[in-house]
Protein backbone atom coordinates (compact mmCIF):
# COMPACT_ATOMS: atom_id res chain seq x y z
CA MET A 1 203.39 119.27 73.61
CA VAL A 2 206.70 118.59 76.41
CA SER A 3 205.50 118.83 80.07
CA THR A 4 208.03 118.85 82.53
CA GLN A 5 205.62 119.17 85.33
CA PRO A 6 204.81 116.12 87.41
CA GLY A 7 200.88 115.09 86.13
CA LEU A 8 197.76 115.85 88.31
CA PRO A 9 195.49 112.73 89.84
CA PRO A 10 193.61 111.69 87.46
CA GLU A 11 190.46 112.85 88.35
CA LEU A 12 192.02 116.19 88.76
CA GLU A 13 193.32 115.73 85.47
CA ALA A 14 189.96 115.03 84.24
CA LEU A 15 188.28 118.21 85.93
CA LYS A 16 190.83 120.41 83.99
CA ASN A 17 190.59 119.03 80.59
CA ALA A 18 186.68 119.28 81.43
CA ILE A 19 186.94 123.27 82.06
CA ARG A 20 189.70 123.85 79.75
CA GLN A 21 187.33 123.39 76.88
CA ILE A 22 184.22 124.69 78.15
CA VAL A 23 185.88 127.98 78.58
CA ARG A 24 187.81 127.66 75.37
CA GLU A 25 184.15 126.82 73.35
CA GLU A 26 182.09 129.13 75.81
CA CYS A 27 184.09 131.85 77.51
CA VAL A 28 186.39 133.03 74.96
CA PRO A 29 184.36 133.03 71.95
CA LEU A 30 182.06 136.02 74.20
CA GLU A 31 184.83 138.20 75.56
CA THR A 32 184.96 141.14 73.10
CA GLU A 33 180.83 141.77 73.05
CA PHE A 34 182.06 141.34 77.22
CA LEU A 35 185.24 143.95 76.91
CA THR A 36 182.92 146.45 74.74
CA HIS A 37 180.00 146.62 77.29
CA PRO A 38 181.59 148.05 80.28
CA PRO A 39 178.66 148.99 82.84
CA LYS A 40 178.46 152.35 84.46
CA ASP A 41 177.07 152.60 87.50
CA GLY A 42 173.10 152.17 87.92
CA GLU A 43 173.31 150.41 84.53
CA PRO A 44 170.88 146.90 84.90
CA ASN A 45 173.71 144.12 84.66
CA GLU A 46 170.80 141.37 84.79
CA GLY A 47 171.89 137.81 85.34
CA ALA A 48 175.56 138.70 85.97
CA PRO A 49 177.50 137.21 89.42
CA ARG A 50 177.15 139.70 92.45
CA GLY A 51 179.15 140.50 95.33
CA ILE A 52 182.61 139.39 95.11
CA LEU A 53 182.52 137.85 91.48
CA GLU A 54 181.45 141.16 90.38
CA ALA A 55 184.61 142.65 92.42
CA VAL A 56 187.97 141.72 89.82
CA PRO A 57 189.34 145.35 89.11
CA GLY A 58 189.33 145.91 85.31
CA ILE A 59 187.29 143.78 83.77
CA LEU A 60 183.76 143.89 84.61
CA GLY A 61 181.59 143.95 81.44
CA THR A 62 178.22 143.10 80.47
CA LEU A 63 176.39 140.06 78.32
CA PRO A 64 172.67 139.62 77.80
CA PRO A 65 170.60 137.64 80.94
CA GLU A 66 170.15 135.25 77.92
CA GLN A 67 174.01 134.62 77.66
CA TRP A 68 174.55 134.39 81.79
CA ALA A 69 172.17 131.68 82.17
CA ARG A 70 173.51 129.95 79.68
CA LEU A 71 177.24 130.19 81.33
CA HIS A 72 175.67 129.28 84.87
CA GLN A 73 173.25 126.14 83.93
CA VAL A 74 176.97 125.20 81.42
CA SER A 75 178.93 125.24 85.21
CA LYS A 76 175.81 123.73 87.06
CA GLU A 77 175.39 121.06 84.65
CA THR A 78 178.72 120.07 84.55
CA GLY A 79 179.32 119.67 88.66
CA ILE A 80 181.95 122.54 87.91
CA TYR A 81 180.13 125.60 90.31
CA THR A 82 180.90 123.33 92.98
CA SER A 83 183.49 120.91 92.86
CA PHE A 84 186.04 122.25 95.19
CA VAL A 85 183.06 122.43 97.56
CA PRO A 86 182.81 118.99 100.07
CA GLU A 87 180.92 116.41 99.30
CA GLU A 88 178.70 116.31 102.68
CA TYR A 89 178.17 119.57 101.17
CA GLY A 90 176.97 118.29 98.11
CA GLY A 91 180.45 119.35 96.38
CA GLY A 92 182.98 117.73 94.44
CA GLY A 93 185.43 117.44 97.49
CA MET A 94 188.53 118.51 95.07
CA GLY A 95 190.23 120.16 97.99
CA ALA A 96 192.41 123.24 97.69
CA LEU A 97 194.54 121.42 94.35
CA GLY A 98 191.06 121.13 92.66
CA HIS A 99 190.49 124.13 93.61
CA VAL A 100 193.57 125.98 92.15
CA VAL A 101 193.54 123.96 89.07
CA LEU A 102 189.75 125.12 88.75
CA GLU A 103 190.35 128.68 89.22
CA GLU A 104 193.84 128.40 86.67
CA GLU A 105 191.33 127.58 83.82
CA ILE A 106 188.31 129.93 84.02
CA GLN A 107 191.09 132.64 84.58
CA LYS A 108 192.29 131.86 81.02
CA SER A 109 189.17 133.67 79.56
CA ILE A 110 188.84 137.35 81.03
CA LEU A 111 184.78 136.35 81.14
CA HIS A 112 184.84 134.01 84.07
CA LEU A 113 182.51 130.62 83.75
CA PRO A 114 180.72 131.63 86.78
CA THR A 115 181.47 129.27 90.09
CA SER A 116 180.20 129.04 92.92
CA PRO A 117 180.33 131.92 95.28
CA VAL A 118 180.89 130.55 98.73
CA PRO A 119 183.56 131.54 101.53
CA MET A 120 185.04 128.58 102.36
CA PHE A 121 185.84 129.20 106.05
CA MET A 122 182.04 129.19 106.96
CA ILE A 123 182.58 125.54 106.51
CA GLY A 124 182.88 124.30 109.82
CA ALA A 125 182.24 127.45 111.37
CA CYS A 126 178.23 128.35 110.64
CA THR A 127 175.56 126.80 113.61
CA PRO A 128 172.90 125.01 111.65
CA GLU A 129 170.86 127.63 111.29
CA GLN A 130 173.67 129.74 109.76
CA GLU A 131 174.01 126.69 107.40
CA GLU A 132 170.04 126.45 106.06
CA LYS A 133 170.38 131.10 106.37
CA TYR A 134 173.26 131.30 104.68
CA LEU A 135 175.99 128.50 103.78
CA TYR A 136 173.78 127.00 101.26
CA PRO A 137 172.82 129.26 99.46
CA ALA A 138 175.84 130.66 99.12
CA ILE A 139 176.88 126.78 97.65
CA ASN A 140 173.84 126.96 95.58
CA GLY A 141 174.97 130.97 94.48
CA ASP A 142 172.02 132.69 95.63
CA LEU A 143 173.59 135.00 98.12
CA TYR A 144 176.78 136.60 97.41
CA TYR A 145 178.66 138.18 99.98
CA ALA A 146 181.82 140.37 100.84
CA PHE A 147 184.55 140.53 103.09
CA GLY A 148 185.05 143.27 105.80
CA GLN A 149 188.67 143.54 107.19
CA THR A 150 190.49 146.16 105.46
CA GLU A 151 190.27 150.06 107.16
CA PRO A 152 191.45 153.13 106.04
CA GLN A 153 194.13 152.48 108.95
CA ALA A 154 194.53 149.30 108.77
CA GLY A 155 195.09 147.25 105.56
CA SER A 156 198.72 145.65 106.24
CA ASP A 157 198.56 144.92 110.07
CA PRO A 158 194.70 144.58 110.90
CA GLY A 159 194.99 142.55 114.06
CA GLY A 160 196.96 145.56 115.60
CA MET A 161 194.80 148.69 113.98
CA MET A 162 191.78 147.57 113.92
CA GLN A 163 189.33 150.32 114.67
CA THR A 164 185.62 148.71 114.53
CA ARG A 165 184.50 147.62 117.55
CA ALA A 166 181.81 145.15 119.05
CA VAL A 167 180.56 146.00 122.03
CA LYS A 168 177.74 143.83 123.85
CA ASP A 169 173.94 145.31 125.00
CA GLY A 170 171.60 142.52 126.10
CA ASP A 171 171.70 139.62 123.36
CA ASP A 172 172.73 141.71 120.93
CA TRP A 173 175.86 143.42 120.17
CA VAL A 174 176.25 146.88 118.80
CA ILE A 175 178.87 147.55 116.16
CA ASN A 176 180.65 150.85 114.95
CA GLY A 177 183.57 151.50 112.75
CA THR A 178 184.29 151.89 108.96
CA LYS A 179 185.79 149.47 106.48
CA MET A 180 187.22 150.22 103.62
CA PHE A 181 188.16 148.39 99.78
CA ILE A 182 185.51 146.32 100.47
CA SER A 183 185.13 144.54 97.17
CA GLY A 184 181.16 144.05 95.57
CA ALA A 185 180.07 145.35 99.46
CA ALA A 186 177.11 147.39 97.95
CA SER A 187 175.56 144.41 95.97
CA ALA A 188 175.97 141.74 98.40
CA ASP A 189 173.09 139.99 100.37
CA TYR A 190 175.48 139.93 103.55
CA LEU A 191 178.85 141.09 104.78
CA LEU A 192 181.43 139.12 106.73
CA VAL A 193 182.73 141.67 109.30
CA GLN A 194 185.41 141.64 111.69
CA ALA A 195 184.93 143.81 114.41
CA VAL A 196 187.59 144.41 117.91
CA THR A 197 185.41 142.50 120.72
CA ASP A 198 188.64 142.93 123.22
CA ALA A 199 190.73 145.38 122.96
CA GLU A 200 193.47 143.72 125.08
CA LYS A 201 193.54 140.37 122.81
CA ARG A 202 192.53 141.92 119.87
CA GLN A 203 194.31 138.81 117.34
CA ARG A 204 194.62 136.22 119.90
CA GLY A 205 191.18 136.10 120.64
CA GLY A 206 189.52 139.51 120.78
CA ILE A 207 188.54 140.03 117.32
CA THR A 208 184.76 138.53 116.06
CA MET A 209 183.37 137.92 112.66
CA PHE A 210 179.95 138.71 112.56
CA VAL A 211 177.48 137.81 109.24
CA ILE A 212 175.12 140.88 108.79
CA ASP A 213 172.45 140.91 106.33
CA ASN A 214 172.09 143.90 103.70
CA PRO A 215 171.10 145.86 104.31
CA THR A 216 170.68 146.37 107.78
CA PRO A 217 170.01 149.75 110.04
CA GLY A 218 173.19 151.64 110.48
CA MET A 219 174.87 150.28 107.81
CA THR A 220 175.70 152.64 104.41
CA PHE A 221 178.24 152.39 101.38
CA GLU A 222 180.21 155.06 100.18
CA PRO A 223 181.59 154.02 96.77
CA ILE A 224 185.48 154.13 95.70
CA TYR A 225 186.18 154.51 92.23
CA VAL A 226 189.85 153.65 91.04
CA TRP A 227 191.64 153.50 88.02
CA THR A 228 191.18 150.45 87.11
CA MET A 229 187.71 150.60 86.08
CA PRO A 230 186.68 154.28 86.37
CA THR A 231 182.87 154.34 85.42
CA LYS A 232 182.32 151.56 88.18
CA ALA A 233 181.93 151.35 91.66
CA GLN A 234 183.19 147.66 92.58
CA GLN A 235 184.97 148.82 96.01
CA ASN A 236 183.56 150.66 98.94
CA MET A 237 183.96 152.20 102.03
CA VAL A 238 181.54 150.68 104.19
CA HIS A 239 180.04 152.77 107.39
CA LEU A 240 178.62 150.83 110.22
CA ASP A 241 176.90 153.13 112.89
CA ASN A 242 175.45 151.38 115.65
CA VAL A 243 174.88 148.49 113.63
CA ARG A 244 172.81 145.90 115.88
CA VAL A 245 173.29 142.05 115.62
CA PRO A 246 172.29 139.55 117.29
CA GLN A 247 174.52 137.21 119.10
CA THR A 248 173.17 135.00 116.41
CA GLN A 249 175.14 136.17 114.24
CA VAL A 250 178.30 135.74 115.10
CA LEU A 251 180.49 133.39 113.25
CA GLY A 252 182.07 130.57 114.84
CA GLU A 253 183.46 131.57 118.20
CA VAL A 254 183.17 134.83 119.86
CA GLY A 255 186.92 135.72 120.18
CA TYR A 256 188.10 134.01 116.82
CA GLY A 257 187.14 136.26 113.54
CA PHE A 258 190.76 137.20 113.13
CA THR A 259 191.64 133.02 112.46
CA LEU A 260 188.55 132.99 110.73
CA GLY A 261 189.51 135.98 108.68
CA GLN A 262 193.46 134.61 107.40
CA GLN A 263 191.56 131.40 106.49
CA TRP A 264 190.02 133.04 103.77
CA LEU A 265 192.93 135.00 103.13
CA VAL A 266 195.24 131.83 102.64
CA HIS A 267 192.70 130.64 100.72
CA HIS A 268 191.06 133.01 98.54
CA ASP A 269 192.85 135.95 98.74
CA ARG A 270 196.83 134.59 98.88
CA LEU A 271 196.05 130.67 97.25
CA LEU A 272 194.27 131.33 94.26
CA ARG A 273 196.30 134.45 93.05
CA GLY A 274 198.70 131.99 92.24
CA SER A 275 196.22 130.18 90.09
CA MET A 276 194.75 133.69 88.68
CA ALA A 277 198.26 135.04 87.37
CA LEU A 278 198.53 131.19 86.10
CA GLY A 279 195.78 131.31 83.50
CA ILE A 280 196.21 134.42 83.21
CA LEU A 281 199.27 134.03 82.00
CA SER A 282 199.35 130.76 79.69
CA ARG A 283 196.23 132.40 77.75
CA ALA A 284 198.32 135.34 77.25
CA LEU A 285 201.53 133.55 76.00
CA ASP A 286 199.47 131.28 73.74
CA MET A 287 198.47 134.96 72.63
CA ALA A 288 201.88 136.24 72.04
CA ILE A 289 203.39 133.12 70.50
CA ASP A 290 200.75 133.42 67.64
CA TRP A 291 201.87 137.59 67.10
CA ALA A 292 204.66 136.74 67.16
CA LYS A 293 204.88 134.69 64.18
CA GLN A 294 202.37 136.46 62.39
CA ARG A 295 203.31 140.12 63.35
CA VAL A 296 206.33 140.84 60.29
CA THR A 297 208.72 143.94 60.07
CA TYR A 298 211.26 144.42 58.22
CA GLY A 299 210.03 141.58 56.27
CA ARG A 300 210.69 138.98 58.97
CA PRO A 301 208.66 137.80 62.16
CA ILE A 302 208.80 139.22 65.13
CA ALA A 303 209.16 135.52 66.34
CA ASP A 304 212.87 135.20 64.88
CA ARG A 305 213.92 138.08 66.87
CA GLN A 306 216.36 137.36 70.14
CA ALA A 307 214.89 140.09 71.93
CA ILE A 308 211.12 138.73 71.04
CA GLN A 309 212.06 134.85 72.30
CA TRP A 310 213.86 135.95 74.94
CA MET A 311 210.38 137.89 76.82
CA LEU A 312 208.34 134.60 75.83
CA THR A 313 210.76 132.35 77.41
CA ASP A 314 210.77 134.69 80.46
CA VAL A 315 207.43 134.01 80.71
CA TYR A 316 207.15 130.32 80.50
CA THR A 317 209.56 130.21 83.01
CA ASP A 318 207.52 132.45 85.71
CA ILE A 319 204.42 130.45 84.91
CA MET A 320 206.29 126.59 85.59
CA ALA A 321 207.31 128.05 88.99
CA LEU A 322 204.42 130.24 89.98
CA ARG A 323 202.28 126.90 88.66
CA ALA A 324 204.87 124.05 90.84
CA LEU A 325 204.90 126.29 93.99
CA THR A 326 201.22 126.91 93.67
CA ARG A 327 200.04 123.20 93.61
CA GLU A 328 202.63 122.20 96.21
CA THR A 329 201.04 124.47 98.78
CA ALA A 330 197.47 123.53 97.42
CA GLU A 331 198.58 119.88 98.34
CA LYS A 332 200.03 120.64 101.71
CA ALA A 333 196.54 122.72 102.75
CA ASP A 334 195.03 119.07 101.76
CA ALA A 335 197.54 117.67 103.91
CA GLY A 336 196.40 119.64 106.97
CA GLU A 337 199.34 121.52 107.09
CA ASP A 338 200.32 125.40 107.98
CA VAL A 339 200.14 127.40 105.01
CA ARG A 340 200.19 130.60 105.73
CA VAL A 341 204.36 131.07 105.19
CA GLU A 342 204.01 129.36 101.74
CA ALA A 343 200.25 131.35 100.41
CA SER A 344 202.44 134.39 101.49
CA MET A 345 204.99 133.43 99.12
CA VAL A 346 202.59 132.23 96.40
CA LYS A 347 200.88 135.64 96.55
CA TYR A 348 204.07 137.37 96.11
CA CYS A 349 204.87 135.50 93.08
CA ALA A 350 201.81 135.75 91.19
CA GLY A 351 202.09 139.42 91.79
CA GLU A 352 205.48 140.17 91.45
CA TRP A 353 206.00 137.70 88.72
CA GLY A 354 202.74 137.94 86.46
CA TRP A 355 203.26 141.76 86.72
CA ARG A 356 206.79 141.13 84.95
CA SER A 357 205.51 138.74 82.84
CA ILE A 358 201.96 140.67 81.54
CA ASP A 359 204.46 143.67 81.30
CA LYS A 360 206.05 141.49 78.91
CA ILE A 361 203.23 140.33 76.95
CA MET A 362 202.08 143.66 76.19
CA GLN A 363 205.74 144.84 75.12
CA VAL A 364 205.52 141.81 72.62
CA PHE A 365 201.87 143.12 70.96
CA GLY A 366 203.09 146.57 70.80
CA GLY A 367 199.87 149.22 70.35
CA ILE A 368 197.59 146.52 69.87
CA GLY A 369 198.42 145.09 73.67
CA GLU A 370 196.78 148.75 74.68
CA THR A 371 193.41 147.84 72.96
CA VAL A 372 190.70 147.32 75.00
CA ASP A 373 188.52 145.06 73.36
CA LEU A 374 191.21 142.76 74.05
CA PRO A 375 192.29 140.90 77.26
CA ILE A 376 195.79 142.35 77.15
CA PRO A 377 195.31 145.44 79.21
CA HIS A 378 192.66 144.23 81.53
CA TRP A 379 194.84 141.30 82.68
CA TYR A 380 197.76 143.94 82.94
CA HIS A 381 195.48 145.99 85.33
CA MET A 382 194.70 142.78 87.24
CA LEU A 383 198.23 142.03 87.75
CA ARG A 384 199.58 145.47 89.06
CA HIS A 385 196.23 145.19 91.49
CA ALA A 386 197.45 142.05 92.20
CA ARG A 387 201.38 143.59 93.69
CA ILE A 388 198.84 145.10 96.47
CA GLY A 389 195.48 143.92 97.29
CA GLY A 390 195.31 141.36 99.76
CA GLY A 391 198.48 142.64 101.09
CA THR A 392 201.62 144.24 99.55
CA SER A 393 203.90 142.19 98.45
CA GLU A 394 206.08 144.33 101.05
CA ILE A 395 203.93 142.78 103.42
CA HIS A 396 204.26 139.61 102.24
CA LYS A 397 208.05 139.87 102.20
CA PHE A 398 207.64 140.19 105.71
CA VAL A 399 205.72 137.19 106.76
CA MET A 400 208.40 135.55 105.19
CA ALA A 401 211.37 136.89 106.78
CA ARG A 402 209.49 136.43 110.00
CA ALA A 403 209.78 132.91 109.31
CA LEU A 404 213.05 132.46 107.95
CA LEU A 405 214.47 134.41 111.06
CA ASP A 406 211.93 132.58 113.85
CA GLY A 407 213.30 128.53 112.01
CA ARG A 408 209.75 128.39 111.03
CA VAL A 409 210.70 127.28 107.43
CA ASN A 410 212.40 124.26 105.82
CA TYR A 411 214.35 125.88 102.51
CA HIS A 412 216.54 122.58 101.99
CA GLY A 413 214.44 120.06 101.29
């Protein structure tokens, strides 16, 4: 097969190939069973990943507990489960580049191979006590988290519009406010919640991150149903009514929770969106090519028709450009560079290019592409949502525009 992109370091090439084989052999054969058994609210899904991992729009399904257990076992025994976690915390130390490579391969199946649910920004921010209570159990997959930033009036501008407040009361903090569209909140073991602690400083030293156990008195959840999964509430309103947490539950320093939140967004919600789109589109393109060769109309396979060929080549072009952008940004992140603008570019392109490409894939399949026992319509939901979730495309264009006008980016090479 012709390759037009630079190769990966040998250890990442080996990781990529190992994951690809496991996903092909262990996950893909279970897709139909997974997709034809969508859960409903209140129904058990024993053994399934919880918290943030269950909150992927449009693809939540069920499997027998023994199947979930096998997937966890395979991922852990091969070292894939924690391959992106730093070595000093028991992981493979593959960094951001390793993480995007891993996620691309995992996303090639609608049934995701389980990986560690650890929020990476907690590494380096936890106290020793928090590491023992939250970080190590999260790395091992024993605890699941939810990230609480978005609010009803503070989606695109959380720093300027956040209304949730935390007020010091003796050795405790008392938190009041409401968070919205919080993925996996109700089933998470703990929430990482941002609250304003200095209304004057706000995102410049006035927003703090708190670790709140679930359950905690005063914290309640209200389900939000969306079109991508109407039978199961994957997202929640989180109401905080005089929620009292001790000082020991502050993550990092008081006033620097917004910075920690940006680290989460840059890595988990922007850079990895590139991997999501790449995994989906590369597998979908494989499926579309195979379908185009076998689907015959008017005596000829549709692969012979220029209209189909052009749609396939458009998807191929999007894949190659997005992969180059995503991996280059990950390499910069591993080198310690500030990649906030590049991560916005990755997220923007993953959403816009991903959606236009999966739309073409669905068109190639025709009516078959709309059947819910195939991954295609579920991927369509995910990539349409990618234009909104994690910051709308318009917001990320605004981030890039500011950097351009401020002279903070180099586009000359």
